[in-house]
Amino acid sequence: MAPPRKPGKIELQPPIIVKKVTIVAAGHHGGAWKVAYADFVTAMMAFFLLLWLLGATTEKQRKGIADYFTPTLVKLRQESAGSNGMLGGSSITDADHYPHRAGQTGTKSLTIPRDTTGGPKEGGSAVKRMAQVQQRLAEKLSSDKLKHLQKIVKLSVTPEGVRIDLVDNADFSMFALGTTVLTGEAQDLLHAVGAAVGPLDGGLQIRGHTDSLKWRSGLGVNNWSLSAGRAEATRQALMRDGVAEGRFRRIEGVADREPLVKDDPADPRNRRMSILLTD
């Protein structure tokens, strides 16, 4: 029998403590290494995929892909005129060293031609053709009388073919001022060009360029007609030197719309004749 409670005294019950136990099957060791390993495997897969693509495509396809992702380089090559001298036309990134007080620093990038079929030692057909033109021109301009004209000639390879630029400067002009009449030195130069490209196969395109100097009003002529007339005069001079009439594909004048020296449209180097030897 429980003892009787004393009047006025309250008994406190002991607290109830609940203990929750969680059972874990295995401990967690972290997963950062798994992410790093996955990145490594992905990179290796991409690398081997690139090697497979390089082996599965042809040289022509690879050059086409390269030109597709660098379209601006082609435009830069088309508007450039090579580096110093006739033998330096393939070095677009070299300084031009024209005999003009303004000077010029070449910043153009070289684009691999589309028709290249070999490696750096073999070269493509356009590169080989440029070497042939370069050798023939060097032989024709090797005399003491014509040797100074070598610096006027700029050779370069474009996706369309081999381009020969005949560039005016402060000491040389292809035509008499404001006319389509070839100077004596220009006729000698075109005679050498005709002898260089005449034996080779392929078509020819001639494009005339002028500077931005304006004409006096009322004369009835402009830089458009002047550049086109000079291109035609160049074609006739080449025909007189034995180049067949049927080889000419295009004769055009673009006035001052494609300047070589963009910062100074009036620069004499913007006056030039571009002769393109195509396939």
C-alpha atoms as a PDB file:
ATOM      1  CA  MET A   1       0.000   0.000   0.000  1.00  0.00           C
ATOM      2  CA  ALA A   2       1.376   3.396  -1.086  1.00  0.00           C
ATOM      3  CA  PRO A   3       2.016   5.868   1.596  1.00  0.00           C
ATOM      4  CA  PRO A   4      -0.580   8.605   1.781  1.00  0.00           C
ATOM      5  CA  ARG A   5       0.207  11.925   0.035  1.00  0.00           C
ATOM      6  CA  LYS A   6       0.882  14.828   2.187  1.00  0.00           C
ATOM      7  CA  PRO A   7      -1.625  17.562   1.691  1.00  0.00           C
ATOM      8  CA  GLY A   8      -0.308  20.602  -0.437  1.00  0.00           C
ATOM      9  CA  LYS A   9       2.694  18.814  -2.044  1.00  0.00           C
ATOM     10  CA  ILE A  10       2.823  18.109  -5.851  1.00  0.00           C
ATOM     11  CA  GLU A  11       4.937  15.244  -7.155  1.00  0.00           C
ATOM     12  CA  LEU A  12       6.912  15.879 -10.458  1.00  0.00           C
ATOM     13  CA  GLN A  13       7.066  13.046 -13.007  1.00  0.00           C
ATOM     14  CA  PRO A  14      10.547  12.232 -14.453  1.00  0.00           C
ATOM     15  CA  PRO A  15      11.099  13.584 -18.084  1.00  0.00           C
ATOM     16  CA  ILE A  16      10.733  11.199 -21.030  1.00  0.00           C
ATOM     17  CA  ILE A  17      13.847  11.145 -23.299  1.00  0.00           C
ATOM     18  CA  VAL A  18      13.455   9.822 -26.897  1.00  0.00           C
ATOM     19  CA  LYS A  19      16.700   8.812 -28.658  1.00  0.00           C
ATOM     20  CA  LYS A  20      16.577   8.504 -32.496  1.00  0.00           C
ATOM     21  CA  VAL A  21      19.244   6.280 -34.013  1.00  0.00           C
ATOM     22  CA  THR A  22      19.992   6.398 -37.840  1.00  0.00           C
ATOM     23  CA  ILE A  23      21.772   3.435 -39.312  1.00  0.00           C
ATOM     24  CA  VAL A  24      24.051   4.241 -42.353  1.00  0.00           C
ATOM     25  CA  ALA A  25      25.142   1.353 -44.543  1.00  0.00           C
ATOM     26  CA  ALA A  26      28.434   2.973 -45.729  1.00  0.00           C
ATOM     27  CA  GLY A  27      30.255   6.260 -45.295  1.00  0.00           C
ATOM     28  CA  HIS A  28      30.438   9.001 -48.009  1.00  0.00           C
ATOM     29  CA  HIS A  29      33.960   9.561 -49.357  1.00  0.00           C
ATOM     30  CA  GLY A  30      33.317  12.622 -51.691  1.00  0.00           C
ATOM     31  CA  GLY A  31      32.899  12.842 -55.551  1.00  0.00           C
ATOM     32  CA  ALA A  32      35.162  15.684 -56.748  1.00  0.00           C
ATOM     33  CA  TRP A  33      37.630  13.254 -58.312  1.00  0.00           C
ATOM     34  CA  LYS A  34      34.839  11.756 -60.385  1.00  0.00           C
ATOM     35  CA  VAL A  35      34.107  15.142 -61.995  1.00  0.00           C
ATOM     36  CA  ALA A  36      37.794  15.709 -62.784  1.00  0.00           C
ATOM     37  CA  TYR A  37      38.107  12.239 -64.277  1.00  0.00           C
ATOM     38  CA  ALA A  38      35.007  12.766 -66.421  1.00  0.00           C
ATOM     39  CA  ASP A  39      36.468  16.013 -67.790  1.00  0.00           C
ATOM     40  CA  PHE A  40      39.734  14.242 -68.606  1.00  0.00           C
ATOM     41  CA  VAL A  41      37.950  11.423 -70.445  1.00  0.00           C
ATOM     42  CA  THR A  42      35.850  13.957 -72.410  1.00  0.00           C
ATOM     43  CA  ALA A  43      38.944  15.896 -73.448  1.00  0.00           C
ATOM     44  CA  MET A  44      40.700  12.718 -74.566  1.00  0.00           C
ATOM     45  CA  MET A  45      37.664  11.672 -76.578  1.00  0.00           C
ATOM     46  CA  ALA A  46      37.572  15.061 -78.325  1.00  0.00           C
ATOM     47  CA  PHE A  47      41.315  14.840 -79.040  1.00  0.00           C
ATOM     48  CA  PHE A  48      41.074  11.391 -80.632  1.00  0.00           C
ATOM     49  CA  LEU A  49      37.996  12.506 -82.581  1.00  0.00           C
ATOM     50  CA  LEU A  50      40.045  15.413 -83.991  1.00  0.00           C
ATOM     51  CA  LEU A  51      42.839  13.021 -84.990  1.00  0.00           C
ATOM     52  CA  TRP A  52      40.328  10.795 -86.732  1.00  0.00           C
ATOM     53  CA  LEU A  53      38.836  13.725 -88.660  1.00  0.00           C
ATOM     54  CA  LEU A  54      42.281  14.860 -89.784  1.00  0.00           C
ATOM     55  CA  GLY A  55      42.984  11.404 -91.116  1.00  0.00           C
ATOM     56  CA  ALA A  56      39.570  10.927 -92.733  1.00  0.00           C
ATOM     57  CA  THR A  57      39.476  14.200 -94.743  1.00  0.00           C
ATOM     58  CA  THR A  58      41.449  15.224 -97.814  1.00  0.00           C
ATOM     59  CA  GLU A  59      43.862  18.146 -98.058  1.00  0.00           C
ATOM     60  CA  LYS A  60      41.371  20.085-100.191  1.00  0.00           C
ATOM     61  CA  GLN A  61      38.586  19.568 -97.647  1.00  0.00           C
ATOM     62  CA  ARG A  62      40.797  20.734 -94.790  1.00  0.00           C
ATOM     63  CA  LYS A  63      41.784  23.877 -96.681  1.00  0.00           C
ATOM     64  CA  GLY A  64      38.137  24.568 -97.460  1.00  0.00           C
ATOM     65  CA  ILE A  65      37.218  24.268 -93.779  1.00  0.00           C
ATOM     66  CA  ALA A  66      40.106  26.550 -92.815  1.00  0.00           C
ATOM     67  CA  ASP A  67      39.000  29.210 -95.322  1.00  0.00           C
ATOM     68  CA  TYR A  68      35.385  28.889 -94.157  1.00  0.00           C
ATOM     69  CA  PHE A  69      36.307  29.815 -90.587  1.00  0.00           C
ATOM     70  CA  THR A  70      38.615  32.667 -91.723  1.00  0.00           C
ATOM     71  CA  PRO A  71      36.672  34.460 -94.484  1.00  0.00           C
ATOM     72  CA  THR A  72      38.109  37.888 -93.660  1.00  0.00           C
ATOM     73  CA  LEU A  73      41.652  36.694 -94.377  1.00  0.00           C
ATOM     74  CA  VAL A  74      40.741  36.069 -97.999  1.00  0.00           C
ATOM     75  CA  LYS A  75      39.491  39.630 -98.352  1.00  0.00           C
ATOM     76  CA  LEU A  76      42.658  40.974 -96.769  1.00  0.00           C
ATOM     77  CA  ARG A  77      44.778  38.973 -99.186  1.00  0.00           C
ATOM     78  CA  GLN A  78      42.809  40.292-102.155  1.00  0.00           C
ATOM     79  CA  GLU A  79      43.390  43.901-101.091  1.00  0.00           C
ATOM     80  CA  SER A  80      47.072  43.516-100.255  1.00  0.00           C
ATOM     81  CA  ALA A  81      50.068  43.822-102.548  1.00  0.00           C
ATOM     82  CA  GLY A  82      52.770  41.728-100.926  1.00  0.00           C
ATOM     83  CA  SER A  83      55.897  42.945 -99.202  1.00  0.00           C
ATOM     84  CA  ASN A  84      59.069  44.620-100.344  1.00  0.00           C
ATOM     85  CA  GLY A  85      60.260  43.801-103.858  1.00  0.00           C
ATOM     86  CA  MET A  86      59.248  41.278-106.474  1.00  0.00           C
ATOM     87  CA  LEU A  87      60.729  38.337-104.559  1.00  0.00           C
ATOM     88  CA  GLY A  88      58.936  39.174-101.312  1.00  0.00           C
ATOM     89  CA  GLY A  89      55.330  39.037-102.417  1.00  0.00           C
ATOM     90  CA  SER A  90      54.485  35.965-100.370  1.00  0.00           C
ATOM     91  CA  SER A  91      55.415  37.629 -97.074  1.00  0.00           C
ATOM     92  CA  ILE A  92      52.291  39.632 -96.417  1.00  0.00           C
ATOM     93  CA  THR A  93      53.271  40.352 -92.815  1.00  0.00           C
ATOM     94  CA  ASP A  94      56.579  42.056 -93.703  1.00  0.00           C
ATOM     95  CA  ALA A  95      56.996  45.808 -94.057  1.00  0.00           C
ATOM     96  CA  ASP A  96      56.493  47.067 -97.603  1.00  0.00           C
ATOM     97  CA  HIS A  97      59.311  49.675 -97.624  1.00  0.00           C
ATOM     98  CA  TYR A  98      57.912  51.572-100.572  1.00  0.00           C
ATOM     99  CA  PRO A  99      59.915  54.630-101.720  1.00  0.00           C
ATOM    100  CA  HIS A 100      57.383  56.990-100.227  1.00  0.00           C
ATOM    101  CA  ARG A 101      57.864  59.162 -97.221  1.00  0.00           C
ATOM    102  CA  ALA A 102      54.679  57.939 -95.555  1.00  0.00           C
ATOM    103  CA  GLY A 103      56.016  54.385 -95.399  1.00  0.00           C
ATOM    104  CA  GLN A 104      53.865  51.397 -94.683  1.00  0.00           C
ATOM    105  CA  THR A 105      53.804  48.491 -92.305  1.00  0.00           C
ATOM    106  CA  GLY A 106      52.282  45.333 -93.676  1.00  0.00           C
ATOM    107  CA  THR A 107      49.754  43.701 -91.387  1.00  0.00           C
ATOM    108  CA  LYS A 108      48.046  41.357 -93.811  1.00  0.00           C
ATOM    109  CA  SER A 109      47.602  37.697 -93.021  1.00  0.00           C
ATOM    110  CA  LEU A 110      48.487  34.904 -95.385  1.00  0.00           C
ATOM    111  CA  THR A 111      45.652  32.570 -96.403  1.00  0.00           C
ATOM    112  CA  ILE A 112      46.424  29.029 -97.527  1.00  0.00           C
ATOM    113  CA  PRO A 113      45.236  28.644-101.149  1.00  0.00           C
ATOM    114  CA  ARG A 114      42.263  26.363-101.721  1.00  0.00           C
ATOM    115  CA  ASP A 115      43.953  24.288-104.425  1.00  0.00           C
ATOM    116  CA  THR A 116      46.933  23.253-102.298  1.00  0.00           C
ATOM    117  CA  THR A 117      47.567  19.514-102.694  1.00  0.00           C
ATOM    118  CA  GLY A 118      50.727  18.952-100.646  1.00  0.00           C
ATOM    119  CA  GLY A 119      52.423  19.891 -97.435  1.00  0.00           C
ATOM    120  CA  PRO A 120      54.700  22.862 -96.765  1.00  0.00           C
ATOM    121  CA  LYS A 121      57.556  21.322 -98.763  1.00  0.00           C
ATOM    122  CA  GLU A 122      55.439  20.328-101.756  1.00  0.00           C
ATOM    123  CA  GLY A 123      53.192  23.371-102.062  1.00  0.00           C
ATOM    124  CA  GLY A 124      50.106  23.684-104.223  1.00  0.00           C
ATOM    125  CA  SER A 125      49.740  24.319-107.936  1.00  0.00           C
ATOM    126  CA  ALA A 126      49.187  28.050-107.377  1.00  0.00           C
ATOM    127  CA  VAL A 127      52.398  28.280-105.346  1.00  0.00           C
ATOM    128  CA  LYS A 128      54.320  26.453-108.059  1.00  0.00           C
ATOM    129  CA  ARG A 129      52.858  28.713-110.714  1.00  0.00           C
ATOM    130  CA  MET A 130      53.844  31.792-108.721  1.00  0.00           C
ATOM    131  CA  ALA A 131      57.406  30.446-108.523  1.00  0.00           C
ATOM    132  CA  GLN A 132      57.428  30.075-112.315  1.00  0.00           C
ATOM    133  CA  VAL A 133      56.161  33.620-112.850  1.00  0.00           C
ATOM    134  CA  GLN A 134      58.622  34.939-110.299  1.00  0.00           C
ATOM    135  CA  GLN A 135      61.557  33.230-111.999  1.00  0.00           C
ATOM    136  CA  ARG A 136      60.572  34.424-115.469  1.00  0.00           C
ATOM    137  CA  LEU A 137      60.068  38.003-114.307  1.00  0.00           C
ATOM    138  CA  ALA A 138      63.389  37.991-112.484  1.00  0.00           C
ATOM    139  CA  GLU A 139      65.115  36.905-115.706  1.00  0.00           C
ATOM    140  CA  LYS A 140      63.372  39.546-117.829  1.00  0.00           C
ATOM    141  CA  LEU A 141      64.071  42.352-115.322  1.00  0.00           C
ATOM    142  CA  SER A 142      67.647  41.359-114.499  1.00  0.00           C
ATOM    143  CA  SER A 143      69.287  43.879-116.835  1.00  0.00           C
ATOM    144  CA  ASP A 144      70.671  47.124-115.428  1.00  0.00           C
ATOM    145  CA  LYS A 145      68.092  49.096-117.401  1.00  0.00           C
ATOM    146  CA  LEU A 146      65.088  47.272-115.920  1.00  0.00           C
ATOM    147  CA  LYS A 147      66.390  46.083-112.556  1.00  0.00           C
ATOM    148  CA  HIS A 148      64.866  49.034-110.699  1.00  0.00           C
ATOM    149  CA  LEU A 149      61.408  47.923-111.887  1.00  0.00           C
ATOM    150  CA  GLN A 150      61.547  44.784-109.741  1.00  0.00           C
ATOM    151  CA  LYS A 151      60.342  46.743-106.714  1.00  0.00           C
ATOM    152  CA  ILE A 152      57.223  47.745-108.655  1.00  0.00           C
ATOM    153  CA  VAL A 153      56.071  44.121-109.058  1.00  0.00           C
ATOM    154  CA  LYS A 154      54.270  42.426-106.145  1.00  0.00           C
ATOM    155  CA  LEU A 155      53.404  38.733-106.385  1.00  0.00           C
ATOM    156  CA  SER A 156      50.912  36.955-104.148  1.00  0.00           C
ATOM    157  CA  VAL A 157      48.761  33.808-104.136  1.00  0.00           C
ATOM    158  CA  THR A 158      45.001  34.209-103.738  1.00  0.00           C
ATOM    159  CA  PRO A 159      42.229  31.578-103.750  1.00  0.00           C
ATOM    160  CA  GLU A 160      41.572  32.504-107.399  1.00  0.00           C
ATOM    161  CA  GLY A 161      45.163  32.171-108.588  1.00  0.00           C
ATOM    162  CA  VAL A 162      48.424  34.127-108.837  1.00  0.00           C
ATOM    163  CA  ARG A 163      48.083  37.887-108.703  1.00  0.00           C
ATOM    164  CA  ILE A 164      50.648  40.308-110.135  1.00  0.00           C
ATOM    165  CA  ASP A 165      50.308  43.869-108.822  1.00  0.00           C
ATOM    166  CA  LEU A 166      52.089  46.679-110.658  1.00  0.00           C
ATOM    167  CA  VAL A 167      52.107  49.453-108.062  1.00  0.00           C
ATOM    168  CA  ASP A 168      52.849  53.123-108.655  1.00  0.00           C
ATOM    169  CA  ASN A 169      54.942  55.038-106.151  1.00  0.00           C
ATOM    170  CA  ALA A 170      56.606  58.416-105.783  1.00  0.00           C
ATOM    171  CA  ASP A 171      59.262  57.515-108.376  1.00  0.00           C
ATOM    172  CA  PHE A 172      57.274  55.492-110.909  1.00  0.00           C
ATOM    173  CA  SER A 173      53.961  55.774-112.719  1.00  0.00           C
ATOM    174  CA  MET A 174      52.401  53.291-115.123  1.00  0.00           C
ATOM    175  CA  PHE A 175      50.509  55.968-117.055  1.00  0.00           C
ATOM    176  CA  ALA A 176      50.877  59.628-117.888  1.00  0.00           C
ATOM    177  CA  LEU A 177      48.960  61.772-115.419  1.00  0.00           C
ATOM    178  CA  GLY A 178      45.206  61.591-115.996  1.00  0.00           C
ATOM    179  CA  THR A 179      45.495  59.515-119.191  1.00  0.00           C
ATOM    180  CA  THR A 180      45.508  55.913-120.411  1.00  0.00           C
ATOM    181  CA  VAL A 181      48.865  56.360-122.167  1.00  0.00           C
ATOM    182  CA  LEU A 182      51.518  53.949-120.898  1.00  0.00           C
ATOM    183  CA  THR A 183      54.899  55.403-119.994  1.00  0.00           C
ATOM    184  CA  GLY A 184      58.045  53.990-121.581  1.00  0.00           C
ATOM    185  CA  GLU A 185      59.064  52.155-118.416  1.00  0.00           C
ATOM    186  CA  ALA A 186      55.550  50.728-118.056  1.00  0.00           C
ATOM    187  CA  GLN A 187      55.746  49.314-121.582  1.00  0.00           C
ATOM    188  CA  ASP A 188      59.041  47.638-120.740  1.00  0.00           C
ATOM    189  CA  LEU A 189      57.510  46.259-117.551  1.00  0.00           C
ATOM    190  CA  LEU A 190      54.432  44.879-119.334  1.00  0.00           C
ATOM    191  CA  HIS A 191      56.691  43.332-121.964  1.00  0.00           C
ATOM    192  CA  ALA A 192      58.393  41.378-119.166  1.00  0.00           C
ATOM    193  CA  VAL A 193      55.026  40.423-117.646  1.00  0.00           C
ATOM    194  CA  GLY A 194      53.738  39.227-121.012  1.00  0.00           C
ATOM    195  CA  ALA A 195      56.835  37.095-121.524  1.00  0.00           C
ATOM    196  CA  ALA A 196      56.357  35.607-118.040  1.00  0.00           C
ATOM    197  CA  VAL A 197      52.650  34.696-118.250  1.00  0.00           C
ATOM    198  CA  GLY A 198      52.455  34.048-122.015  1.00  0.00           C
ATOM    199  CA  PRO A 199      53.830  30.464-121.973  1.00  0.00           C
ATOM    200  CA  LEU A 200      51.707  29.485-118.965  1.00  0.00           C
ATOM    201  CA  ASP A 201      48.189  28.073-119.137  1.00  0.00           C
ATOM    202  CA  GLY A 202      45.164  29.732-117.603  1.00  0.00           C
ATOM    203  CA  GLY A 203      42.996  32.787-118.005  1.00  0.00           C
ATOM    204  CA  LEU A 204      43.813  36.400-117.201  1.00  0.00           C
ATOM    205  CA  GLN A 205      41.842  39.066-115.369  1.00  0.00           C
ATOM    206  CA  ILE A 206      42.940  42.708-115.306  1.00  0.00           C
ATOM    207  CA  ARG A 207      41.681  45.237-112.766  1.00  0.00           C
ATOM    208  CA  GLY A 208      42.574  48.913-112.790  1.00  0.00           C
ATOM    209  CA  HIS A 209      42.851  51.015-109.621  1.00  0.00           C
ATOM    210  CA  THR A 210      43.232  54.770-109.144  1.00  0.00           C
ATOM    211  CA  ASP A 211      43.800  57.095-106.214  1.00  0.00           C
ATOM    212  CA  SER A 212      41.066  59.382-104.871  1.00  0.00           C
ATOM    213  CA  LEU A 213      42.257  62.644-106.444  1.00  0.00           C
ATOM    214  CA  LYS A 214      39.258  64.433-107.918  1.00  0.00           C
ATOM    215  CA  TRP A 215      38.890  65.630-111.479  1.00  0.00           C
ATOM    216  CA  ARG A 216      38.038  69.161-112.478  1.00  0.00           C
ATOM    217  CA  SER A 217      34.385  69.598-113.377  1.00  0.00           C
ATOM    218  CA  GLY A 218      33.452  69.786-117.033  1.00  0.00           C
ATOM    219  CA  LEU A 219      36.099  67.374-118.297  1.00  0.00           C
ATOM    220  CA  GLY A 220      33.632  64.527-118.847  1.00  0.00           C
ATOM    221  CA  VAL A 221      35.898  61.901-117.300  1.00  0.00           C
ATOM    222  CA  ASN A 222      36.213  60.329-113.849  1.00  0.00           C
ATOM    223  CA  ASN A 223      38.188  57.700-111.971  1.00  0.00           C
ATOM    224  CA  TRP A 224      35.794  54.970-113.089  1.00  0.00           C
ATOM    225  CA  SER A 225      36.392  55.509-116.788  1.00  0.00           C
ATOM    226  CA  LEU A 226      40.090  56.145-116.167  1.00  0.00           C
ATOM    227  CA  SER A 227      40.644  52.867-114.290  1.00  0.00           C
ATOM    228  CA  ALA A 228      38.689  50.885-116.893  1.00  0.00           C
ATOM    229  CA  GLY A 229      40.574  52.557-119.750  1.00  0.00           C
ATOM    230  CA  ARG A 230      43.922  51.800-118.144  1.00  0.00           C
ATOM    231  CA  ALA A 231      42.915  48.152-117.689  1.00  0.00           C
ATOM    232  CA  GLU A 232      42.071  47.986-121.407  1.00  0.00           C
ATOM    233  CA  ALA A 233      45.372  49.646-122.321  1.00  0.00           C
ATOM    234  CA  THR A 234      47.170  47.025-120.244  1.00  0.00           C
ATOM    235  CA  ARG A 235      45.299  44.231-122.045  1.00  0.00           C
ATOM    236  CA  GLN A 236      46.266  45.622-125.452  1.00  0.00           C
ATOM    237  CA  ALA A 237      49.906  45.925-124.395  1.00  0.00           C
ATOM    238  CA  LEU A 238      49.963  42.286-123.269  1.00  0.00           C
ATOM    239  CA  MET A 239      48.381  41.189-126.542  1.00  0.00           C
ATOM    240  CA  ARG A 240      51.099  43.015-128.473  1.00  0.00           C
ATOM    241  CA  ASP A 241      53.618  41.009-126.450  1.00  0.00           C
ATOM    242  CA  GLY A 242      52.109  37.720-127.587  1.00  0.00           C
ATOM    243  CA  VAL A 243      49.396  36.920-125.030  1.00  0.00           C
ATOM    244  CA  ALA A 244      46.433  35.349-126.838  1.00  0.00           C
ATOM    245  CA  GLU A 245      43.237  37.413-126.895  1.00  0.00           C
ATOM    246  CA  GLY A 246      41.122  34.414-125.855  1.00  0.00           C
ATOM    247  CA  ARG A 247      42.885  34.113-122.487  1.00  0.00           C
ATOM    248  CA  PHE A 248      41.393  37.337-121.111  1.00  0.00           C
ATOM    249  CA  ARG A 249      38.404  36.567-118.883  1.00  0.00           C
ATOM    250  CA  ARG A 250      37.613  39.948-117.354  1.00  0.00           C
ATOM    251  CA  ILE A 251      38.683  43.576-117.782  1.00  0.00           C
ATOM    252  CA  GLU A 252      37.392  46.025-115.199  1.00  0.00           C
ATOM    253  CA  GLY A 253      38.069  49.293-113.433  1.00  0.00           C
ATOM    254  CA  VAL A 254      37.172  49.878-109.787  1.00  0.00           C
ATOM    255  CA  ALA A 255      38.347  53.514-109.490  1.00  0.00           C
ATOM    256  CA  ASP A 256      39.396  54.309-105.906  1.00  0.00           C
ATOM    257  CA  ARG A 257      36.995  51.883-104.208  1.00  0.00           C
ATOM    258  CA  GLU A 258      39.673  49.325-103.213  1.00  0.00           C
ATOM    259  CA  PRO A 259      42.607  51.419-101.934  1.00  0.00           C
ATOM    260  CA  LEU A 260      45.819  49.693-100.989  1.00  0.00           C
ATOM    261  CA  VAL A 261      46.605  52.396 -98.407  1.00  0.00           C
ATOM    262  CA  LYS A 262      43.244  52.884 -96.717  1.00  0.00           C
ATOM    263  CA  ASP A 263      44.450  55.631 -94.370  1.00  0.00           C
ATOM    264  CA  ASP A 264      45.502  57.820 -97.315  1.00  0.00           C
ATOM    265  CA  PRO A 265      43.276  57.337-100.392  1.00  0.00           C
ATOM    266  CA  ALA A 266      45.369  59.906-102.307  1.00  0.00           C
ATOM    267  CA  ASP A 267      48.581  57.905-101.844  1.00  0.00           C
ATOM    268  CA  PRO A 268      50.210  57.117-105.222  1.00  0.00           C
ATOM    269  CA  ARG A 269      50.456  53.435-104.265  1.00  0.00           C
ATOM    270  CA  ASN A 270      46.687  53.204-104.675  1.00  0.00           C
ATOM    271  CA  ARG A 271      47.267  53.601-108.436  1.00  0.00           C
ATOM    272  CA  ARG A 272      48.010  50.075-109.587  1.00  0.00           C
ATOM    273  CA  MET A 273      47.181  47.393-112.134  1.00  0.00           C
ATOM    274  CA  SER A 274      46.275  43.920-110.860  1.00  0.00           C
ATOM    275  CA  ILE A 275      46.783  41.021-113.264  1.00  0.00           C
ATOM    276  CA  LEU A 276      45.290  37.757-112.026  1.00  0.00           C
ATOM    277  CA  LEU A 277      46.460  34.472-113.552  1.00  0.00           C
ATOM    278  CA  THR A 278      43.692  31.910-113.011  1.00  0.00           C
ATOM    279  CA  ASP A 279      43.410  28.200-113.755  1.00  0.00           C
END
